[in-house]
Amino acid sequence: MTTTELKVGDLISFKPVGFGNEDWSNPGIVLEQYVAPDDELWVVYVDGMKCVVHNNEHYEFMHLTSS
């Protein structure tokens, strides 16, 4: 999945590219999107904290539910 398929309100799981299947994050909700020069950054609330993840060259994403 590419990050352009992410939307605010989606419930997702993510992991760094190349990590194993046991390394998926706990479910998290997409809170907002930042648009930075040459990059897409997403704020995801997971495990009681906000995490910033960016483009599919660095992370893999799995939709759990869609907004």
Protein backbone atom coordinates (compact mmCIF):
# COMPACT_ATOMS: atom_id res chain seq x y z
CA MET A 1 0.00 0.00 0.00
CA THR A 2 1.26 3.47 -0.76
CA THR A 3 0.79 6.28 1.69
CA THR A 4 -1.43 8.13 -0.76
CA GLU A 5 -4.01 5.46 0.08
CA LEU A 6 -3.95 6.46 3.76
CA LYS A 7 -6.65 8.79 5.05
CA VAL A 8 -7.28 10.51 8.37
CA GLY A 9 -9.41 8.17 10.46
CA ASP A 10 -8.01 4.93 9.02
CA LEU A 11 -7.03 2.20 11.48
CA ILE A 12 -3.68 0.81 10.36
CA SER A 13 -0.68 -1.23 11.38
CA PHE A 14 2.82 -0.44 10.13
CA LYS A 15 6.38 -1.72 10.22
CA PRO A 16 9.71 -0.68 8.74
CA VAL A 17 10.45 -2.19 5.32
CA GLY A 18 12.46 -5.39 5.67
CA PHE A 19 11.32 -6.22 9.19
CA GLY A 20 9.59 -9.56 9.88
CA ASN A 21 5.87 -10.35 10.14
CA GLU A 22 6.12 -10.29 13.94
CA ASP A 23 7.20 -6.62 13.82
CA TRP A 24 3.87 -5.03 12.80
CA SER A 25 2.80 -2.26 15.17
CA ASN A 26 -0.28 -2.50 17.31
CA PRO A 27 -3.33 -0.96 15.64
CA GLY A 28 -3.16 2.82 15.35
CA ILE A 29 -5.44 5.54 14.02
CA VAL A 30 -4.24 8.04 11.42
CA LEU A 31 -4.68 11.49 12.99
CA GLU A 32 -3.30 13.86 10.39
CA GLN A 33 -1.10 14.28 7.36
CA TYR A 34 1.83 16.64 6.99
CA VAL A 35 2.95 17.60 3.52
CA ALA A 36 6.66 18.28 3.46
CA PRO A 37 8.86 18.99 0.45
CA ASP A 38 9.45 15.68 -1.34
CA ASP A 39 7.79 13.65 1.44
CA GLU A 40 4.46 12.64 2.95
CA LEU A 41 4.35 12.33 6.73
CA TRP A 42 1.50 10.79 8.70
CA VAL A 43 0.78 11.14 12.42
CA VAL A 44 -0.54 7.88 13.85
CA TYR A 45 -1.81 7.44 17.42
CA VAL A 46 -0.68 4.03 18.68
CA ASP A 47 -0.01 2.63 22.15
CA GLY A 48 -0.87 5.94 23.84
CA MET A 49 1.54 8.06 21.81
CA LYS A 50 1.78 9.87 18.50
CA CYS A 51 4.17 8.38 15.94
CA VAL A 52 5.26 9.94 12.66
CA VAL A 53 5.65 7.58 9.72
CA HIS A 54 6.53 8.46 6.16
CA ASN A 55 6.30 7.11 2.64
CA ASN A 56 6.27 3.48 1.59
CA GLU A 57 10.01 3.46 0.88
CA HIS A 58 10.53 3.30 4.66
CA TYR A 59 7.37 1.67 6.03
CA GLU A 60 4.84 -0.95 5.02
CA PHE A 61 1.20 -0.28 5.90
CA MET A 62 -1.76 -2.58 6.44
CA HIS A 63 -5.33 -1.21 6.53
CA LEU A 64 -7.35 -2.69 9.37
CA THR A 65 -10.37 -0.46 8.71
CA SER A 66 -10.93 2.49 6.42
CA SER A 67 -12.59 5.79 7.27
